[in-house]
Amino acid sequence: VDTVRRMRAIVGREGVMAVYKGVFPAMLGGTAAWAFYFYWYNEAKGYMAGLGWIGPAANFASGTSAGVMTAVATNPIWC
C-alpha cells in the first residue's frame, strides 16, 4: 500500500518523531477551539434566555454566534 511505503520513507529519512510533528499544534488548536465554542455558546444561550428567547431558533442563534466567535478567536492558531 502506498501509505505504508510513504510512512516507512518518512521514518527512514526523518525518524519516528516526524510522524507526530503536527500533533501538538492540532491538539492545541482543537482544545482552544472547543473551549471557546462551549464558552460562547453558554454565554449566548444565557443571554437569550434572559431575554425570553427559548427554543430551536435560540439554540441555532447561540450555535451560530459561538461558531463565529470561535473562528475569530482561534484563527491565528490555524494560520
Protein backbone atom coordinates (compact mmCIF):
# COMPACT_ATOMS: atom_id res chain seq x y z
CA VAL A 1 0.00 0.00 0.00
CA ASP A 2 1.26 3.47 -0.84
CA THR A 3 0.57 4.82 2.67
CA VAL A 4 2.76 2.22 4.33
CA ARG A 5 5.56 2.86 1.84
CA ARG A 6 5.40 6.60 2.47
CA MET A 7 5.38 6.14 6.26
CA ARG A 8 8.47 3.94 6.04
CA ALA A 9 10.19 6.55 3.88
CA ILE A 10 9.40 9.33 6.37
CA VAL A 11 10.57 7.27 9.34
CA GLY A 12 13.72 6.24 7.48
CA ARG A 13 14.54 9.81 6.45
CA GLU A 14 13.48 11.85 9.48
CA GLY A 15 12.90 9.40 12.32
CA VAL A 16 9.80 8.26 14.21
CA MET A 17 9.10 11.69 15.72
CA ALA A 18 8.49 13.12 12.23
CA VAL A 19 5.25 11.13 12.12
CA TYR A 20 3.98 13.11 15.12
CA LYS A 21 5.21 16.55 14.00
CA GLY A 22 1.80 18.20 13.72
CA VAL A 23 0.07 16.53 16.66
CA PHE A 24 0.78 19.20 19.29
CA PRO A 25 -0.39 22.22 17.22
CA ALA A 26 -3.52 20.31 16.19
CA MET A 27 -4.32 19.36 19.78
CA LEU A 28 -3.68 22.90 20.97
CA GLY A 29 -5.88 24.39 18.27
CA GLY A 30 -8.67 21.85 18.75
CA THR A 31 -8.71 22.24 22.51
CA ALA A 32 -8.75 26.03 22.28
CA ALA A 33 -11.46 26.00 19.63
CA TRP A 34 -13.79 23.74 21.63
CA ALA A 35 -13.17 25.70 24.82
CA PHE A 36 -14.05 28.98 23.08
CA TYR A 37 -17.07 27.41 21.40
CA PHE A 38 -18.60 26.00 24.57
CA TYR A 39 -17.90 29.22 26.48
CA TRP A 40 -19.54 31.45 23.88
CA TYR A 41 -22.45 29.05 23.33
CA ASN A 42 -23.21 29.08 27.05
CA GLU A 43 -22.91 32.87 27.21
CA ALA A 44 -25.18 33.38 24.19
CA LYS A 45 -27.72 30.86 25.44
CA GLY A 46 -27.84 32.55 28.86
CA TYR A 47 -28.22 35.98 27.27
CA MET A 48 -31.08 34.83 25.05
CA ALA A 49 -32.80 33.03 27.92
CA GLY A 50 -32.65 36.29 29.88
CA LEU A 51 -34.49 37.96 27.01
CA GLY A 52 -37.09 35.19 26.98
CA TRP A 53 -35.89 33.62 23.74
CA ILE A 54 -36.10 29.87 24.21
CA GLY A 55 -36.39 27.14 21.59
CA PRO A 56 -34.77 25.89 18.41
CA ALA A 57 -34.21 29.37 16.97
CA ALA A 58 -32.37 30.45 20.13
CA ASN A 59 -30.25 27.28 20.00
CA PHE A 60 -29.43 27.92 16.36
CA ALA A 61 -28.54 31.57 17.03
CA SER A 62 -26.40 30.57 20.02
CA GLY A 63 -24.53 27.99 17.98
CA THR A 64 -24.04 30.40 15.10
CA SER A 65 -22.70 33.17 17.30
CA ALA A 66 -20.45 30.70 19.15
CA GLY A 67 -19.08 29.45 15.84
CA VAL A 68 -18.33 32.96 14.62
CA MET A 69 -16.63 33.95 17.87
CA THR A 70 -14.61 30.73 17.87
CA ALA A 71 -13.45 31.29 14.30
CA VAL A 72 -12.38 34.85 15.11
CA ALA A 73 -10.62 33.88 18.34
CA THR A 74 -8.77 30.82 17.05
CA ASN A 75 -7.94 31.93 13.50
CA PRO A 76 -4.35 32.90 14.43
CA ILE A 77 -3.72 29.34 15.68
CA TRP A 78 -4.54 27.84 12.30
CA CYS A 79 -2.62 30.34 10.19
